[in-house]
Amino acid sequence: MLTDSERQRLREALALERQRLLRNAQEGLSFAMNRERNVGRDSIDESTEEELFSTELRLRDREKWLLGKINSAIERLESGTIDECEECGEPIGAKRLLARPVTTLCIACKEEREKEEASTAQGARGGGFAPEPEESTLTPGTSDE
């Protein structure tokens, strides 16, 4: 069970990350809308610009995905279920939640999922060593739980 102080720290961390992502989304929209298409440039310049634009769009897509996870975490926080594992129903530790507020799995279920993902990846590659993915804080594109 989370203390009021831990809940407040989670709420603040989620709100700050949400604000950052919304600000980035606004900047991304401005970037896309103000993009100039210069006619008469060579194909290398155009190709480079298209690649940069494509990368920017992929980044925005990942941030949109993370924003959904943050909104979901805020809803779980408000409903009092943020510290319940979605797979086994056991408590998710406060330290884990403070390190990764969008997590939905306890450490045991997360480790089990990573083992399954590693063995699936190993099978797809035909054997070999598959390092376990690292989980960070609110970084887009890391873990999908």
N, C-alpha and C. Protein backbone atom coordinates (compact mmCIF):
# COMPACT_ATOMS: atom_id res chain seq x y z
N MET A 1 0.84 -1.18 0.00
CA MET A 1 0.00 0.00 0.00
C MET A 1 0.89 1.25 0.00
N LEU A 2 0.59 2.17 -0.88
CA LEU A 2 1.38 3.40 -0.98
C LEU A 2 0.97 4.40 0.10
N THR A 3 1.94 5.14 0.59
CA THR A 3 1.64 6.20 1.53
C THR A 3 1.15 7.42 0.77
N ASP A 4 0.57 8.37 1.48
CA ASP A 4 0.11 9.61 0.84
C ASP A 4 1.28 10.35 0.19
N SER A 5 2.43 10.32 0.85
CA SER A 5 3.62 10.99 0.32
C SER A 5 4.06 10.34 -0.99
N GLU A 6 4.06 9.00 -1.04
CA GLU A 6 4.44 8.29 -2.26
C GLU A 6 3.45 8.57 -3.38
N ARG A 7 2.17 8.58 -3.05
CA ARG A 7 1.14 8.91 -4.06
C ARG A 7 1.36 10.31 -4.61
N GLN A 8 1.68 11.25 -3.74
CA GLN A 8 1.91 12.62 -4.18
C GLN A 8 3.14 12.70 -5.08
N ARG A 9 4.21 11.98 -4.72
CA ARG A 9 5.41 11.97 -5.56
C ARG A 9 5.12 11.38 -6.93
N LEU A 10 4.33 10.31 -6.97
CA LEU A 10 3.92 9.72 -8.24
C LEU A 10 3.10 10.70 -9.06
N ARG A 11 2.15 11.34 -8.41
CA ARG A 11 1.28 12.31 -9.10
C ARG A 11 2.11 13.42 -9.72
N GLU A 12 3.09 13.94 -8.97
CA GLU A 12 3.94 15.02 -9.46
C GLU A 12 4.81 14.55 -10.63
N ALA A 13 5.39 13.36 -10.50
CA ALA A 13 6.25 12.84 -11.57
C ALA A 13 5.45 12.64 -12.85
N LEU A 14 4.25 12.07 -12.73
CA LEU A 14 3.41 11.84 -13.90
C LEU A 14 2.95 13.16 -14.52
N ALA A 15 2.59 14.11 -13.69
CA ALA A 15 2.13 15.41 -14.20
C ALA A 15 3.26 16.14 -14.93
N LEU A 16 4.46 16.10 -14.38
CA LEU A 16 5.60 16.75 -15.04
C LEU A 16 5.91 16.11 -16.39
N GLU A 17 5.91 14.78 -16.43
CA GLU A 17 6.20 14.09 -17.69
C GLU A 17 5.10 14.35 -18.70
N ARG A 18 3.87 14.39 -18.24
CA ARG A 18 2.73 14.67 -19.12
C ARG A 18 2.87 16.07 -19.73
N GLN A 19 3.21 17.04 -18.91
CA GLN A 19 3.41 18.41 -19.40
C GLN A 19 4.54 18.47 -20.42
N ARG A 20 5.63 17.76 -20.15
CA ARG A 20 6.76 17.75 -21.08
C ARG A 20 6.34 17.17 -22.43
N LEU A 21 5.60 16.07 -22.39
CA LEU A 21 5.17 15.44 -23.64
C LEU A 21 4.18 16.31 -24.41
N LEU A 22 3.29 16.96 -23.70
CA LEU A 22 2.33 17.85 -24.37
C LEU A 22 3.05 19.05 -25.00
N ARG A 23 4.05 19.56 -24.31
CA ARG A 23 4.84 20.66 -24.86
C ARG A 23 5.59 20.19 -26.12
N ASN A 24 6.17 18.99 -26.05
CA ASN A 24 6.85 18.43 -27.22
C ASN A 24 5.89 18.21 -28.38
N ALA A 25 4.67 17.77 -28.07
CA ALA A 25 3.68 17.56 -29.12
C ALA A 25 3.35 18.87 -29.81
N GLN A 26 3.21 19.94 -29.04
CA GLN A 26 2.93 21.25 -29.61
C GLN A 26 4.08 21.70 -30.50
N GLU A 27 5.31 21.49 -30.03
CA GLU A 27 6.48 21.85 -30.83
C GLU A 27 6.55 21.01 -32.10
N GLY A 28 6.18 19.74 -32.00
CA GLY A 28 6.18 18.86 -33.16
C GLY A 28 5.16 19.29 -34.19
N LEU A 29 4.01 19.71 -33.72
CA LEU A 29 2.98 20.19 -34.63
C LEU A 29 3.45 21.46 -35.33
N SER A 30 4.06 22.33 -34.57
CA SER A 30 4.59 23.56 -35.16
C SER A 30 5.68 23.23 -36.18
N PHE A 31 6.54 22.28 -35.86
CA PHE A 31 7.60 21.85 -36.77
C PHE A 31 7.01 21.33 -38.08
N ALA A 32 5.98 20.50 -37.98
CA ALA A 32 5.36 19.92 -39.18
C ALA A 32 4.64 20.98 -40.00
N MET A 33 3.97 21.91 -39.34
CA MET A 33 3.20 22.92 -40.05
C MET A 33 4.09 23.98 -40.71
N ASN A 34 5.23 24.25 -40.13
CA ASN A 34 6.11 25.30 -40.64
C ASN A 34 7.24 24.76 -41.51
N ARG A 35 7.15 23.53 -41.89
CA ARG A 35 8.18 22.89 -42.69
C ARG A 35 8.17 23.48 -44.10
N GLU A 36 9.32 23.94 -44.52
CA GLU A 36 9.42 24.54 -45.85
C GLU A 36 9.89 23.49 -46.84
N ARG A 37 9.36 23.56 -48.00
CA ARG A 37 9.77 22.68 -49.10
C ARG A 37 10.46 23.56 -50.14
N ASN A 38 11.75 23.58 -50.11
CA ASN A 38 12.51 24.38 -51.07
C ASN A 38 12.62 23.64 -52.40
N VAL A 39 12.16 24.27 -53.45
CA VAL A 39 12.25 23.69 -54.79
C VAL A 39 13.62 24.02 -55.37
N GLY A 40 14.18 23.10 -56.12
CA GLY A 40 15.44 23.36 -56.78
C GLY A 40 16.65 22.88 -56.02
N ARG A 41 16.45 22.22 -54.89
CA ARG A 41 17.60 21.68 -54.16
C ARG A 41 17.97 20.34 -54.74
N ASP A 42 19.17 19.90 -54.44
CA ASP A 42 19.58 18.60 -54.99
C ASP A 42 18.95 17.45 -54.21
N SER A 43 19.02 16.27 -54.80
CA SER A 43 18.34 15.10 -54.23
C SER A 43 18.92 14.69 -52.88
N ILE A 44 20.19 14.92 -52.65
CA ILE A 44 20.79 14.56 -51.35
C ILE A 44 20.22 15.44 -50.25
N ASP A 45 20.09 16.74 -50.50
CA ASP A 45 19.50 17.63 -49.51
C ASP A 45 18.06 17.23 -49.22
N GLU A 46 17.31 16.94 -50.25
CA GLU A 46 15.91 16.55 -50.07
C GLU A 46 15.81 15.24 -49.31
N SER A 47 16.66 14.29 -49.63
CA SER A 47 16.65 13.00 -48.95
C SER A 47 16.99 13.16 -47.47
N THR A 48 17.99 13.96 -47.18
CA THR A 48 18.37 14.22 -45.80
C THR A 48 17.23 14.86 -45.03
N GLU A 49 16.58 15.84 -45.63
CA GLU A 49 15.46 16.51 -44.99
C GLU A 49 14.30 15.54 -44.73
N GLU A 50 14.02 14.69 -45.68
CA GLU A 50 12.94 13.71 -45.52
C GLU A 50 13.27 12.73 -44.40
N GLU A 51 14.51 12.31 -44.30
CA GLU A 51 14.91 11.39 -43.23
C GLU A 51 14.77 12.06 -41.87
N LEU A 52 15.19 13.30 -41.75
CA LEU A 52 15.04 14.03 -40.50
C LEU A 52 13.57 14.18 -40.12
N PHE A 53 12.74 14.49 -41.10
CA PHE A 53 11.31 14.65 -40.85
C PHE A 53 10.70 13.32 -40.43
N SER A 54 11.09 12.24 -41.08
CA SER A 54 10.60 10.92 -40.74
C SER A 54 10.99 10.53 -39.31
N THR A 55 12.22 10.83 -38.94
CA THR A 55 12.69 10.55 -37.58
C THR A 55 11.89 11.35 -36.56
N GLU A 56 11.63 12.61 -36.87
CA GLU A 56 10.84 13.47 -35.99
C GLU A 56 9.44 12.90 -35.81
N LEU A 57 8.84 12.42 -36.87
CA LEU A 57 7.49 11.85 -36.77
C LEU A 57 7.48 10.57 -35.94
N ARG A 58 8.52 9.73 -36.11
CA ARG A 58 8.60 8.51 -35.30
C ARG A 58 8.74 8.84 -33.82
N LEU A 59 9.55 9.84 -33.52
CA LEU A 59 9.72 10.26 -32.13
C LEU A 59 8.40 10.74 -31.56
N ARG A 60 7.67 11.53 -32.32
CA ARG A 60 6.37 12.04 -31.85
C ARG A 60 5.38 10.90 -31.63
N ASP A 61 5.44 9.89 -32.48
CA ASP A 61 4.56 8.74 -32.34
C ASP A 61 4.87 7.99 -31.04
N ARG A 62 6.14 7.82 -30.74
CA ARG A 62 6.53 7.16 -29.49
C ARG A 62 6.09 7.97 -28.29
N GLU A 63 6.20 9.29 -28.38
CA GLU A 63 5.78 10.13 -27.27
C GLU A 63 4.27 10.08 -27.09
N LYS A 64 3.54 9.95 -28.18
CA LYS A 64 2.08 9.80 -28.10
C LYS A 64 1.73 8.51 -27.36
N TRP A 65 2.44 7.44 -27.68
CA TRP A 65 2.23 6.16 -27.01
C TRP A 65 2.51 6.29 -25.51
N LEU A 66 3.61 6.96 -25.15
CA LEU A 66 3.97 7.16 -23.75
C LEU A 66 2.93 8.03 -23.04
N LEU A 67 2.42 9.03 -23.73
CA LEU A 67 1.40 9.89 -23.13
C LEU A 67 0.16 9.06 -22.76
N GLY A 68 -0.20 8.10 -23.59
CA GLY A 68 -1.32 7.21 -23.27
C GLY A 68 -1.04 6.41 -22.01
N LYS A 69 0.20 5.92 -21.86
CA LYS A 69 0.57 5.17 -20.66
C LYS A 69 0.53 6.06 -19.43
N ILE A 70 0.95 7.31 -19.58
CA ILE A 70 0.94 8.24 -18.46
C ILE A 70 -0.50 8.54 -18.05
N ASN A 71 -1.36 8.80 -19.03
CA ASN A 71 -2.77 9.05 -18.72
C ASN A 71 -3.40 7.86 -18.02
N SER A 72 -3.06 6.66 -18.46
CA SER A 72 -3.57 5.45 -17.83
C SER A 72 -3.06 5.34 -16.39
N ALA A 73 -1.78 5.65 -16.17
CA ALA A 73 -1.21 5.60 -14.83
C ALA A 73 -1.89 6.62 -13.91
N ILE A 74 -2.19 7.81 -14.44
CA ILE A 74 -2.88 8.83 -13.64
C ILE A 74 -4.27 8.32 -13.25
N GLU A 75 -4.97 7.68 -14.18
CA GLU A 75 -6.29 7.12 -13.87
C GLU A 75 -6.18 6.04 -12.79
N ARG A 76 -5.17 5.16 -12.91
CA ARG A 76 -4.98 4.12 -11.90
C ARG A 76 -4.61 4.72 -10.55
N LEU A 77 -3.84 5.80 -10.57
CA LEU A 77 -3.48 6.48 -9.33
C LEU A 77 -4.72 7.05 -8.66
N GLU A 78 -5.56 7.71 -9.43
CA GLU A 78 -6.78 8.30 -8.88
C GLU A 78 -7.76 7.25 -8.39
N SER A 79 -7.79 6.08 -9.05
CA SER A 79 -8.72 5.03 -8.63
C SER A 79 -8.15 4.16 -7.51
N GLY A 80 -6.87 4.37 -7.18
CA GLY A 80 -6.25 3.62 -6.10
C GLY A 80 -5.73 2.25 -6.51
N THR A 81 -5.58 2.01 -7.82
CA THR A 81 -5.13 0.70 -8.28
C THR A 81 -3.74 0.73 -8.90
N ILE A 82 -3.04 1.84 -8.81
CA ILE A 82 -1.74 1.96 -9.48
C ILE A 82 -0.72 0.97 -8.93
N ASP A 83 -0.88 0.55 -7.68
CA ASP A 83 0.10 -0.35 -7.09
C ASP A 83 -0.34 -1.82 -7.12
N GLU A 84 -1.27 -2.17 -8.04
CA GLU A 84 -1.71 -3.55 -8.20
C GLU A 84 -1.22 -4.08 -9.54
N CYS A 85 -0.56 -5.23 -9.52
CA CYS A 85 -0.06 -5.86 -10.74
C CYS A 85 -1.24 -6.29 -11.60
N GLU A 86 -1.20 -5.96 -12.88
CA GLU A 86 -2.30 -6.30 -13.78
C GLU A 86 -2.36 -7.79 -14.10
N GLU A 87 -1.27 -8.52 -13.84
CA GLU A 87 -1.28 -9.96 -14.13
C GLU A 87 -1.65 -10.79 -12.92
N CYS A 88 -1.03 -10.54 -11.78
CA CYS A 88 -1.25 -11.41 -10.62
C CYS A 88 -2.03 -10.75 -9.50
N GLY A 89 -2.21 -9.42 -9.55
CA GLY A 89 -2.96 -8.72 -8.52
C GLY A 89 -2.15 -8.41 -7.27
N GLU A 90 -0.90 -8.86 -7.23
CA GLU A 90 -0.04 -8.58 -6.08
C GLU A 90 0.39 -7.11 -6.09
N PRO A 91 0.81 -6.61 -4.94
CA PRO A 91 1.25 -5.20 -4.89
C PRO A 91 2.53 -4.95 -5.70
N ILE A 92 2.58 -3.81 -6.33
CA ILE A 92 3.80 -3.33 -6.99
C ILE A 92 4.48 -2.44 -5.96
N GLY A 93 5.72 -2.69 -5.69
CA GLY A 93 6.44 -1.94 -4.67
C GLY A 93 6.55 -0.45 -4.98
N ALA A 94 6.57 0.34 -3.92
CA ALA A 94 6.67 1.80 -4.06
C ALA A 94 7.96 2.20 -4.78
N LYS A 95 9.06 1.52 -4.47
CA LYS A 95 10.34 1.87 -5.13
C LYS A 95 10.23 1.65 -6.63
N ARG A 96 9.59 0.55 -7.03
CA ARG A 96 9.42 0.27 -8.46
C ARG A 96 8.55 1.33 -9.11
N LEU A 97 7.47 1.69 -8.47
CA LEU A 97 6.57 2.69 -9.04
C LEU A 97 7.23 4.06 -9.11
N LEU A 98 8.01 4.40 -8.11
CA LEU A 98 8.68 5.70 -8.14
C LEU A 98 9.76 5.73 -9.22
N ALA A 99 10.37 4.58 -9.50
CA ALA A 99 11.38 4.52 -10.56
C ALA A 99 10.74 4.51 -11.94
N ARG A 100 9.58 3.87 -12.05
CA ARG A 100 8.87 3.75 -13.34
C ARG A 100 7.38 3.86 -13.08
N PRO A 101 6.86 5.08 -12.98
CA PRO A 101 5.46 5.28 -12.62
C PRO A 101 4.43 4.69 -13.57
N VAL A 102 4.80 4.39 -14.81
CA VAL A 102 3.83 3.85 -15.77
C VAL A 102 3.78 2.33 -15.74
N THR A 103 4.57 1.69 -14.88
CA THR A 103 4.59 0.24 -14.85
C THR A 103 3.23 -0.33 -14.43
N THR A 104 2.91 -1.49 -14.95
CA THR A 104 1.65 -2.16 -14.59
C THR A 104 1.90 -3.55 -14.04
N LEU A 105 3.18 -3.94 -13.94
CA LEU A 105 3.53 -5.28 -13.49
C LEU A 105 4.44 -5.23 -12.26
N CYS A 106 4.24 -6.19 -11.36
CA CYS A 106 5.18 -6.34 -10.25
C CYS A 106 6.49 -6.87 -10.82
N ILE A 107 7.53 -6.84 -10.05
CA ILE A 107 8.84 -7.24 -10.56
C ILE A 107 8.86 -8.71 -10.97
N ALA A 108 8.17 -9.58 -10.22
CA ALA A 108 8.16 -11.01 -10.56
C ALA A 108 7.49 -11.25 -11.92
N CYS A 109 6.35 -10.61 -12.16
CA CYS A 109 5.66 -10.76 -13.44
C CYS A 109 6.46 -10.14 -14.58
N LYS A 110 7.12 -9.02 -14.33
CA LYS A 110 7.93 -8.38 -15.35
C LYS A 110 9.11 -9.26 -15.72
N GLU A 111 9.76 -9.85 -14.73
CA GLU A 111 10.88 -10.74 -15.01
C GLU A 111 10.42 -11.95 -15.81
N GLU A 112 9.26 -12.50 -15.47
CA GLU A 112 8.72 -13.64 -16.21
C GLU A 112 8.42 -13.25 -17.65
N ARG A 113 7.84 -12.08 -17.86
CA ARG A 113 7.54 -11.62 -19.22
C ARG A 113 8.81 -11.43 -20.03
N GLU A 114 9.84 -10.87 -19.40
CA GLU A 114 11.11 -10.66 -20.10
C GLU A 114 11.75 -11.99 -20.48
N LYS A 115 11.65 -13.01 -19.62
CA LYS A 115 12.17 -14.34 -19.95
C LYS A 115 11.44 -14.90 -21.17
N GLU A 116 10.12 -14.75 -21.18
CA GLU A 116 9.33 -15.23 -22.33
C GLU A 116 9.71 -14.49 -23.60
N GLU A 117 9.87 -13.17 -23.51
CA GLU A 117 10.25 -12.38 -24.68
C GLU A 117 11.64 -12.77 -25.17
N ALA A 118 12.55 -13.02 -24.24
CA ALA A 118 13.92 -13.41 -24.62
C ALA A 118 13.92 -14.76 -25.30
N SER A 119 13.14 -15.71 -24.78
CA SER A 119 13.12 -17.03 -25.40
C SER A 119 12.43 -16.98 -26.76
N THR A 120 11.41 -16.13 -26.90
CA THR A 120 10.75 -15.96 -28.20
C THR A 120 11.73 -15.34 -29.20
N ALA A 121 12.47 -14.34 -28.76
CA ALA A 121 13.45 -13.69 -29.64
C ALA A 121 14.57 -14.67 -29.99
N GLN A 122 14.98 -15.47 -29.04
CA GLN A 122 16.04 -16.44 -29.28
C GLN A 122 15.58 -17.47 -30.31
N GLY A 123 14.33 -17.92 -30.18
CA GLY A 123 13.77 -18.87 -31.13
C GLY A 123 13.66 -18.28 -32.52
N ALA A 124 13.31 -17.02 -32.60
CA ALA A 124 13.17 -16.35 -33.90
C ALA A 124 14.51 -16.19 -34.59
N ARG A 125 15.57 -16.04 -33.79
CA ARG A 125 16.91 -15.87 -34.35
C ARG A 125 17.60 -17.21 -34.59
N GLY A 126 17.01 -18.27 -34.08
CA GLY A 126 17.62 -19.58 -34.26
C GLY A 126 18.66 -19.90 -33.22
N GLY A 127 18.54 -19.33 -32.04
CA GLY A 127 19.47 -19.63 -30.96
C GLY A 127 20.35 -18.44 -30.66
N GLY A 128 21.21 -18.64 -29.71
CA GLY A 128 22.12 -17.56 -29.32
C GLY A 128 21.67 -16.89 -28.05
N PHE A 129 22.44 -15.94 -27.62
CA PHE A 129 22.19 -15.23 -26.38
C PHE A 129 21.36 -13.98 -26.65
N ALA A 130 20.30 -13.82 -25.87
CA ALA A 130 19.46 -12.62 -25.98
C ALA A 130 19.52 -11.88 -24.66
N PRO A 131 20.19 -10.73 -24.59
CA PRO A 131 20.25 -9.99 -23.33
C PRO A 131 18.87 -9.49 -22.93
N GLU A 132 18.63 -9.47 -21.63
CA GLU A 132 17.34 -8.99 -21.16
C GLU A 132 17.27 -7.49 -21.34
N PRO A 133 16.11 -6.99 -21.79
CA PRO A 133 15.97 -5.54 -21.98
C PRO A 133 16.00 -4.83 -20.65
N GLU A 134 16.58 -3.66 -20.65
CA GLU A 134 16.61 -2.86 -19.44
C GLU A 134 15.38 -2.00 -19.38
N GLU A 135 14.94 -1.73 -18.17
CA GLU A 135 13.78 -0.88 -17.98
C GLU A 135 14.27 0.42 -17.35
N SER A 136 13.89 1.53 -17.92
CA SER A 136 14.29 2.81 -17.38
C SER A 136 13.05 3.54 -16.89
N THR A 137 13.24 4.77 -16.49
CA THR A 137 12.09 5.55 -16.05
C THR A 137 11.28 5.94 -17.26
N LEU A 138 10.73 7.09 -17.31
CA LEU A 138 9.78 7.47 -18.34
C LEU A 138 10.43 7.76 -19.68
N THR A 139 11.12 6.79 -20.21
CA THR A 139 11.78 6.94 -21.50
C THR A 139 11.00 6.21 -22.56
N PRO A 140 10.55 6.91 -23.60
CA PRO A 140 9.78 6.24 -24.63
C PRO A 140 10.58 5.17 -25.34
N GLY A 141 9.87 4.12 -25.72
CA GLY A 141 10.49 3.11 -26.53
C GLY A 141 11.26 2.06 -25.77
N THR A 142 11.24 2.08 -24.44
CA THR A 142 11.93 1.03 -23.71
C THR A 142 10.99 -0.13 -23.57
N SER A 143 10.53 -0.38 -22.41
CA SER A 143 9.67 -1.53 -22.14
C SER A 143 8.23 -1.21 -22.56
N ASP A 144 7.49 -2.23 -22.98
CA ASP A 144 6.12 -1.99 -23.40
C ASP A 144 5.11 -2.40 -22.35
N GLU A 145 5.52 -2.58 -21.11
CA GLU A 145 4.54 -2.90 -20.06
C GLU A 145 4.12 -1.68 -19.33
